[in-house]
Amino acid sequence: MKYRIVFEYQTEDGAMSDVYNCRDEQQAKEKFDELRDSLLHSIDADGCEVIDEPTHYSIINREVGFLGYVRLLAE
């Protein structure tokens, strides 16, 4: 089985997206957690819409124009 991590980050000033291919589930979970933590520390979650599931994390703050998400996909 292949594992892929999709990451996206958007602000009013710019955007970034990336895809990471992982060799196994453990590596995929570690990368997912690392990217989720980077989103958690990039903006205060107060007033944000947050989805926090085992394979999908997203945070949106429409007032400041911020969107970030990370998703773990198994193929």
C-alpha atoms as a PDB file:
ATOM      1  CA  MET A   1       0.000   0.000   0.000  1.00  0.00           C
ATOM      2  CA  LYS A   2       1.196   3.522  -0.813  1.00  0.00           C
ATOM      3  CA  TYR A   3       0.697   6.486   1.485  1.00  0.00           C
ATOM      4  CA  ARG A   4       0.506  10.091   0.396  1.00  0.00           C
ATOM      5  CA  ILE A   5       0.282  13.280   2.446  1.00  0.00           C
ATOM      6  CA  VAL A   6      -1.332  16.340   0.843  1.00  0.00           C
ATOM      7  CA  PHE A   7      -0.571  19.684   2.480  1.00  0.00           C
ATOM      8  CA  GLU A   8      -1.902  23.133   1.630  1.00  0.00           C
ATOM      9  CA  TYR A   9      -1.532  26.501   3.288  1.00  0.00           C
ATOM     10  CA  GLN A  10      -3.083  29.769   2.045  1.00  0.00           C
ATOM     11  CA  THR A  11      -3.068  33.306   3.368  1.00  0.00           C
ATOM     12  CA  GLU A  12      -3.992  36.610   1.769  1.00  0.00           C
ATOM     13  CA  ASP A  13      -0.280  37.083   1.009  1.00  0.00           C
ATOM     14  CA  GLY A  14       0.429  33.760  -0.681  1.00  0.00           C
ATOM     15  CA  ALA A  15      -0.004  30.022  -0.834  1.00  0.00           C
ATOM     16  CA  MET A  16       1.988  26.818  -0.557  1.00  0.00           C
ATOM     17  CA  SER A  17       1.116  23.245  -1.329  1.00  0.00           C
ATOM     18  CA  ASP A  18       3.049  20.013  -1.363  1.00  0.00           C
ATOM     19  CA  VAL A  19       2.590  16.259  -1.654  1.00  0.00           C
ATOM     20  CA  TYR A  20       4.711  13.753   0.252  1.00  0.00           C
ATOM     21  CA  ASN A  21       4.955  10.072  -0.678  1.00  0.00           C
ATOM     22  CA  CYS A  22       5.665   7.739   2.219  1.00  0.00           C
ATOM     23  CA  ARG A  23       7.004   4.206   2.151  1.00  0.00           C
ATOM     24  CA  ASP A  24       4.895   2.909   5.044  1.00  0.00           C
ATOM     25  CA  GLU A  25       2.053   3.787   7.393  1.00  0.00           C
ATOM     26  CA  GLN A  26       4.326   4.769  10.290  1.00  0.00           C
ATOM     27  CA  GLN A  27       6.280   7.251   8.186  1.00  0.00           C
ATOM     28  CA  ALA A  28       2.997   8.658   6.826  1.00  0.00           C
ATOM     29  CA  LYS A  29       1.542   9.144  10.319  1.00  0.00           C
ATOM     30  CA  GLU A  30       4.706  10.862  11.521  1.00  0.00           C
ATOM     31  CA  LYS A  31       4.702  13.277   8.559  1.00  0.00           C
ATOM     32  CA  PHE A  32       0.961  13.932   8.993  1.00  0.00           C
ATOM     33  CA  ASP A  33       1.501  14.756  12.683  1.00  0.00           C
ATOM     34  CA  GLU A  34       4.462  17.019  11.866  1.00  0.00           C
ATOM     35  CA  LEU A  35       2.460  19.006   9.304  1.00  0.00           C
ATOM     36  CA  ARG A  36      -0.632  19.158  11.528  1.00  0.00           C
ATOM     37  CA  ASP A  37       1.525  20.564  14.344  1.00  0.00           C
ATOM     38  CA  SER A  38       2.949  23.208  12.003  1.00  0.00           C
ATOM     39  CA  LEU A  39      -0.599  24.332  11.187  1.00  0.00           C
ATOM     40  CA  LEU A  40      -1.553  24.334  14.875  1.00  0.00           C
ATOM     41  CA  HIS A  41       1.321  26.693  15.658  1.00  0.00           C
ATOM     42  CA  SER A  42       0.854  28.989  12.661  1.00  0.00           C
ATOM     43  CA  ILE A  43      -2.425  30.585  13.789  1.00  0.00           C
ATOM     44  CA  ASP A  44      -4.496  30.881  16.951  1.00  0.00           C
ATOM     45  CA  ALA A  45      -7.381  28.436  16.589  1.00  0.00           C
ATOM     46  CA  ASP A  46      -9.825  30.726  18.441  1.00  0.00           C
ATOM     47  CA  GLY A  47     -12.537  31.785  16.004  1.00  0.00           C
ATOM     48  CA  CYS A  48     -11.426  29.247  13.396  1.00  0.00           C
ATOM     49  CA  GLU A  49     -13.318  26.388  11.809  1.00  0.00           C
ATOM     50  CA  VAL A  50     -11.364  23.234  12.682  1.00  0.00           C
ATOM     51  CA  ILE A  51     -11.681  19.655  11.467  1.00  0.00           C
ATOM     52  CA  ASP A  52      -9.519  17.239  13.423  1.00  0.00           C
ATOM     53  CA  GLU A  53      -9.799  13.626  12.279  1.00  0.00           C
ATOM     54  CA  PRO A  54      -7.216  10.815  12.169  1.00  0.00           C
ATOM     55  CA  THR A  55      -6.470  11.351   8.448  1.00  0.00           C
ATOM     56  CA  HIS A  56      -7.638  14.940   7.878  1.00  0.00           C
ATOM     57  CA  TYR A  57      -6.840  18.162   9.703  1.00  0.00           C
ATOM     58  CA  SER A  58      -7.955  21.566   8.489  1.00  0.00           C
ATOM     59  CA  ILE A  59      -8.187  25.031   9.956  1.00  0.00           C
ATOM     60  CA  ILE A  60      -9.942  28.003   8.357  1.00  0.00           C
ATOM     61  CA  ASN A  61     -10.203  31.590   9.513  1.00  0.00           C
ATOM     62  CA  ARG A  62     -12.278  33.537   7.001  1.00  0.00           C
ATOM     63  CA  GLU A  63     -11.762  36.854   8.807  1.00  0.00           C
ATOM     64  CA  VAL A  64      -8.025  36.870   8.156  1.00  0.00           C
ATOM     65  CA  GLY A  65      -8.091  34.851   4.921  1.00  0.00           C
ATOM     66  CA  PHE A  66      -6.302  31.775   6.271  1.00  0.00           C
ATOM     67  CA  LEU A  67      -6.738  28.150   5.169  1.00  0.00           C
ATOM     68  CA  GLY A  68      -4.547  25.219   6.010  1.00  0.00           C
ATOM     69  CA  TYR A  69      -5.032  21.495   5.730  1.00  0.00           C
ATOM     70  CA  VAL A  70      -3.181  18.214   5.746  1.00  0.00           C
ATOM     71  CA  ARG A  71      -4.622  14.931   4.552  1.00  0.00           C
ATOM     72  CA  LEU A  72      -3.304  11.368   4.699  1.00  0.00           C
ATOM     73  CA  LEU A  73      -4.337   9.189   1.769  1.00  0.00           C
ATOM     74  CA  ALA A  74      -3.784   5.448   1.431  1.00  0.00           C
ATOM     75  CA  GLU A  75      -3.757   4.029  -2.079  1.00  0.00           C
END
